[in-house]
């Protein structure tokens, strides 16, 4: 039995990274592997409030993972919802806290499968909210996504589109400007359902037209250029992009 413990420790270290193990959070990984999610959430939370561990990133990651697993449980509505009414939102929020705490990206490779699944669920949830015209709830998802995946250009663009629907024009403009500074995120874009891609397309075209009408032609063209990256084979988008360019030329005439 004693010989098995170093082997188990080695397996865990490979799974979550040596840095995580060195900081004494192997107990959290063990609870996660044993699917003891309520206990994991409780223990990770305690780490997050203790003076000597509250600045460590990993407890927030494990809280987020526990939150998500609790939310996914078939018994969530009948057994867990009363205790964890915000489990899904807490998963998003704690994922963001994890990224913020990990300023040096020491744990950037920890449990990537969790972030893939979380984003997939957030996209599906946002799609439903948007379809029901609950734009503030869709906005919450994309806002949280930009916290834990801050270089995801499409997440920033979708956040801006939601802000446009809520008539938060100043916020939308700032968000669009931030999105323009991010690298393209084609892989994430391809994960969006068609309805979300259509929303993004219309949002980009609408925003570019607003910019042109406001005399901000260079910003409008930058917006269109970003849109063409994602919609290069879309004839309607190309046609409207040309229309926007034509409007730019008309405004430049004396």
Protein backbone atom coordinates (compact mmCIF):
# COMPACT_ATOMS: atom_id res chain seq x y z
CA UNK A 1 0.00 0.00 0.00
CA UNK A 2 2.83 2.37 0.84
CA UNK A 3 4.33 1.77 -2.59
CA UNK A 4 1.08 2.81 -4.27
CA UNK A 5 0.98 6.28 -2.74
CA UNK A 6 4.01 7.69 -4.65
CA UNK A 7 2.55 6.22 -7.85
CA UNK A 8 -0.83 7.83 -7.24
CA UNK A 9 0.89 11.12 -6.46
CA UNK A 10 2.83 10.92 -9.71
CA UNK A 11 -0.35 10.31 -11.71
CA UNK A 12 -2.04 13.31 -10.11
CA UNK A 13 1.03 15.47 -10.70
CA UNK A 14 0.98 14.63 -14.39
CA UNK A 15 -2.74 15.33 -14.58
CA UNK A 16 -2.73 18.78 -13.00
CA UNK A 17 0.89 19.88 -13.29
CA UNK A 18 3.76 19.86 -10.86
CA UNK A 19 3.12 23.45 -9.82
CA UNK A 20 -0.34 22.57 -8.54
CA UNK A 21 0.99 19.64 -6.56
CA UNK A 22 3.82 21.67 -5.07
CA UNK A 23 1.37 24.13 -3.59
CA UNK A 24 -0.50 21.47 -1.62
CA UNK A 25 -3.80 21.20 -3.49
CA UNK A 26 -3.59 17.51 -4.31
CA UNK A 27 -6.51 16.95 -1.92
CA UNK A 28 -8.73 18.98 -4.26
CA UNK A 29 -7.68 16.96 -7.29
CA UNK A 30 -8.34 13.76 -5.39
CA UNK A 31 -11.88 14.87 -4.50
CA UNK A 32 -12.45 15.84 -8.13
CA UNK A 33 -11.30 12.44 -9.36
CA UNK A 34 -13.57 10.73 -6.83
CA UNK A 35 -16.50 12.90 -8.01
CA UNK A 36 -17.06 14.27 -4.51
CA UNK A 37 -18.17 17.60 -5.91
CA UNK A 38 -20.03 19.05 -2.91
CA UNK A 39 -17.08 18.27 -0.66
CA UNK A 40 -14.72 19.69 -3.28
CA UNK A 41 -16.67 22.95 -3.49
CA UNK A 42 -16.66 23.28 0.29
CA UNK A 43 -12.96 22.55 0.67
CA UNK A 44 -11.90 24.75 -2.24
CA UNK A 45 -13.98 27.60 -0.84
CA UNK A 46 -12.24 27.26 2.51
CA UNK A 47 -8.88 27.58 0.77
CA UNK A 48 -10.15 30.71 -1.00
CA UNK A 49 -10.87 32.50 2.29
CA UNK A 50 -7.87 31.39 4.34
CA UNK A 51 -5.22 34.06 4.67
CA UNK A 52 -2.33 31.88 3.48
CA UNK A 53 -4.13 30.44 0.42
CA UNK A 54 -6.75 33.00 -0.66
CA UNK A 55 -4.43 34.47 -3.30
CA UNK A 56 -3.73 31.10 -4.91
CA UNK A 57 -5.47 30.47 -8.25
CA UNK A 58 -6.17 26.75 -8.00
CA UNK A 59 -8.89 26.78 -5.33
CA UNK A 60 -10.97 28.97 -7.65
CA UNK A 61 -10.46 26.54 -10.52
CA UNK A 62 -11.62 23.63 -8.39
CA UNK A 63 -14.58 25.63 -7.14
CA UNK A 64 -15.53 26.36 -10.74
CA UNK A 65 -15.22 22.70 -11.72
CA UNK A 66 -17.27 21.62 -8.71
CA UNK A 67 -19.92 24.24 -9.50
CA UNK A 68 -20.23 22.99 -13.07
CA UNK A 69 -20.44 19.32 -12.11
CA UNK A 70 -23.09 20.08 -9.50
CA UNK A 71 -25.07 22.03 -12.09
CA UNK A 72 -24.79 19.17 -14.60
CA UNK A 73 -26.10 16.62 -12.12
CA UNK A 74 -29.41 14.97 -13.13
CA UNK A 75 -30.49 15.67 -9.56
CA UNK A 76 -29.65 19.35 -9.69
CA UNK A 77 -33.21 20.70 -9.74
CA UNK A 78 -34.58 18.21 -7.22
CA UNK A 79 -31.63 17.91 -4.84
CA UNK A 80 -28.93 20.53 -5.31
CA UNK A 81 -30.61 23.68 -6.62
CA UNK A 82 -31.78 24.84 -3.21
CA UNK A 83 -28.22 24.71 -1.85
CA UNK A 84 -26.47 25.84 -5.05
CA UNK A 85 -29.01 28.12 -6.82
CA UNK A 86 -26.29 29.88 -8.83
CA UNK A 87 -24.11 26.87 -9.61
CA UNK A 88 -23.75 27.63 -13.33
CA UNK A 89 -23.09 31.33 -12.80
CA UNK A 90 -20.66 30.49 -10.01
CA UNK A 91 -18.80 28.18 -12.39
CA UNK A 92 -18.34 31.09 -14.81
CA UNK A 93 -17.45 33.57 -12.08
CA UNK A 94 -14.91 31.32 -10.36
CA UNK A 95 -13.32 30.42 -13.69
CA UNK A 96 -12.75 34.15 -14.15
CA UNK A 97 -11.32 34.52 -10.67
CA UNK A 98 -8.94 31.65 -11.38
CA UNK A 99 -7.59 33.39 -14.47
CA UNK A 100 -7.26 36.70 -12.64
CA UNK A 101 -5.35 35.11 -9.78
CA UNK A 102 -3.05 33.25 -12.17
CA UNK A 103 -1.30 36.43 -13.28
CA UNK A 104 1.84 34.61 -14.46
CA UNK A 105 -0.09 31.87 -16.28
CA UNK A 106 1.55 29.20 -14.16
CA UNK A 107 -1.54 27.02 -14.42
CA UNK A 108 -2.67 27.82 -17.95
CA UNK A 109 -2.68 24.12 -18.87
CA UNK A 110 -4.67 22.96 -15.83
CA UNK A 111 -7.81 21.04 -16.83
CA UNK A 112 -8.30 22.47 -20.34
CA UNK A 113 -11.22 20.08 -20.87
CA UNK A 114 -13.16 21.97 -18.21
CA UNK A 115 -12.87 25.27 -20.09
CA UNK A 116 -13.90 23.64 -23.37
CA UNK A 117 -17.05 22.23 -21.80
CA UNK A 118 -17.81 25.42 -19.89
CA UNK A 119 -17.63 27.53 -23.04
CA UNK A 120 -19.83 25.11 -24.96
CA UNK A 121 -22.47 25.30 -22.25
CA UNK A 122 -22.20 29.08 -22.03
CA UNK A 123 -22.70 29.43 -25.80
CA UNK A 124 -25.79 27.19 -25.74
CA UNK A 125 -27.19 29.06 -22.75
CA UNK A 126 -26.53 32.46 -24.36
CA UNK A 127 -28.19 31.32 -27.58
CA UNK A 128 -31.37 30.44 -25.69
CA UNK A 129 -31.41 33.72 -23.80
CA UNK A 130 -30.82 35.73 -26.97
CA UNK A 131 -33.63 33.92 -28.77
CA UNK A 132 -35.93 34.81 -25.88
CA UNK A 133 -34.77 38.44 -26.04
CA UNK A 134 -33.17 38.16 -22.62
CA UNK A 135 -30.15 40.08 -23.79
CA UNK A 136 -28.82 40.92 -20.33
CA UNK A 137 -28.53 37.21 -19.52
CA UNK A 138 -26.79 36.47 -22.81
CA UNK A 139 -24.50 39.42 -22.11
CA UNK A 140 -23.58 37.97 -18.71
CA UNK A 141 -22.30 34.78 -20.34
CA UNK A 142 -20.11 36.53 -22.88
CA UNK A 143 -18.90 39.05 -20.33
CA UNK A 144 -17.75 36.25 -18.05
CA UNK A 145 -16.14 34.48 -21.00
CA UNK A 146 -13.98 37.53 -21.73
CA UNK A 147 -12.69 37.32 -18.16
CA UNK A 148 -11.34 33.77 -18.33
CA UNK A 149 -10.64 33.84 -22.08
CA UNK A 150 -9.60 37.46 -22.45
CA UNK A 151 -8.03 37.14 -25.92
CA UNK A 152 -11.11 35.56 -27.49
CA UNK A 153 -12.07 38.15 -30.10
CA UNK A 154 -15.42 36.55 -30.93
CA UNK A 155 -16.49 36.53 -27.26
CA UNK A 156 -15.75 40.27 -27.11
CA UNK A 157 -17.70 40.83 -30.33
CA UNK A 158 -20.70 38.91 -29.04
CA UNK A 159 -20.54 40.89 -25.81
CA UNK A 160 -20.68 44.09 -27.85
CA UNK A 161 -23.64 42.86 -29.90
CA UNK A 162 -25.56 42.09 -26.70
CA UNK A 163 -24.76 45.58 -25.42
CA UNK A 164 -26.11 47.03 -28.66
CA UNK A 165 -29.39 45.17 -28.14
CA UNK A 166 -29.62 46.64 -24.66
CA UNK A 167 -29.02 50.16 -26.09
CA UNK A 168 -25.79 50.48 -24.15
CA UNK A 169 -24.12 52.23 -27.05
CA UNK A 170 -21.14 53.66 -25.17
CA UNK A 171 -20.31 50.30 -23.62
CA UNK A 172 -20.77 48.56 -26.97
CA UNK A 173 -18.37 50.98 -28.64
CA UNK A 174 -15.71 50.37 -25.99
CA UNK A 175 -16.18 46.62 -26.28
CA UNK A 176 -15.92 46.70 -30.07
CA UNK A 177 -12.70 48.69 -29.75
CA UNK A 178 -11.31 46.11 -27.35
CA UNK A 179 -12.32 43.31 -29.72
CA UNK A 180 -10.40 44.95 -32.58
CA UNK A 181 -7.20 44.65 -30.53
CA UNK A 182 -7.59 40.90 -30.05
CA UNK A 183 -6.33 38.14 -32.37
CA UNK A 184 -8.81 36.34 -34.59
CA UNK A 185 -10.62 33.41 -32.97
CA UNK A 186 -11.75 31.30 -35.90
CA UNK A 187 -11.74 28.06 -33.93
CA UNK A 188 -14.14 29.52 -31.38
CA UNK A 189 -16.25 31.11 -34.12
CA UNK A 190 -16.73 27.70 -35.72
CA UNK A 191 -18.12 26.42 -32.41
CA UNK A 192 -20.94 28.97 -32.48
CA UNK A 193 -24.33 27.70 -33.65
CA UNK A 194 -25.55 29.21 -36.90
CA UNK A 195 -27.99 31.48 -35.10
CA UNK A 196 -25.18 33.06 -33.10
CA UNK A 197 -23.04 33.48 -36.21
CA UNK A 198 -25.96 35.25 -37.90
CA UNK A 199 -26.36 37.54 -34.89
CA UNK A 200 -22.66 38.38 -34.98
CA UNK A 201 -22.78 39.11 -38.71
CA UNK A 202 -25.71 41.48 -38.39
CA UNK A 203 -24.17 43.12 -35.36
CA UNK A 204 -20.90 43.81 -37.14
CA UNK A 205 -22.65 45.25 -40.18
CA UNK A 206 -25.00 47.36 -38.10
CA UNK A 207 -22.16 48.72 -36.01
CA UNK A 208 -20.04 49.52 -39.08
CA UNK A 209 -22.94 51.45 -40.60
CA UNK A 210 -23.39 53.41 -37.37
CA UNK A 211 -19.70 54.29 -37.43
CA UNK A 212 -19.89 55.49 -41.02
CA UNK A 213 -22.95 57.62 -40.31
CA UNK A 214 -21.06 59.11 -37.37
CA UNK A 215 -18.16 60.00 -39.65
CA UNK A 216 -15.85 57.36 -38.17
CA UNK A 217 -15.05 55.74 -41.49
CA UNK A 218 -11.68 54.22 -40.53
CA UNK A 219 -13.21 52.49 -37.52
CA UNK A 220 -16.04 51.25 -39.72
CA UNK A 221 -13.64 49.72 -42.21
CA UNK A 222 -11.66 48.10 -39.42
CA UNK A 223 -14.90 46.53 -38.19
CA UNK A 224 -15.74 45.28 -41.68
CA UNK A 225 -12.24 43.86 -42.10
CA UNK A 226 -12.69 41.85 -38.92
CA UNK A 227 -16.09 40.67 -40.12
CA UNK A 228 -14.69 39.51 -43.45
CA UNK A 229 -12.27 37.24 -41.60
CA UNK A 230 -15.23 35.31 -40.25
CA UNK A 231 -17.66 35.73 -43.16
CA UNK A 232 -15.40 35.70 -46.19
CA UNK A 233 -17.63 33.25 -48.09
CA UNK A 234 -20.91 34.89 -47.13
CA UNK A 235 -22.28 36.71 -50.19
CA UNK A 236 -24.74 38.82 -48.23
CA UNK A 237 -22.03 40.00 -45.87
CA UNK A 238 -19.71 40.80 -48.75
CA UNK A 239 -22.44 42.76 -50.50
CA UNK A 240 -23.24 44.78 -47.41
CA UNK A 241 -19.55 45.36 -46.82
CA UNK A 242 -19.28 46.82 -50.31
CA UNK A 243 -22.33 48.97 -49.56
CA UNK A 244 -20.58 50.29 -46.47
CA UNK A 245 -17.49 51.05 -48.53
CA UNK A 246 -19.68 52.87 -51.02
CA UNK A 247 -21.19 54.93 -48.24
CA UNK A 248 -17.67 55.80 -47.12
CA UNK A 249 -16.79 57.02 -50.61
CA UNK A 250 -20.03 59.06 -50.81
CA UNK A 251 -19.24 60.82 -47.55
CA UNK A 252 -15.75 61.65 -48.74
CA UNK A 253 -17.08 63.48 -51.80
CA UNK A 254 -17.16 67.32 -51.48
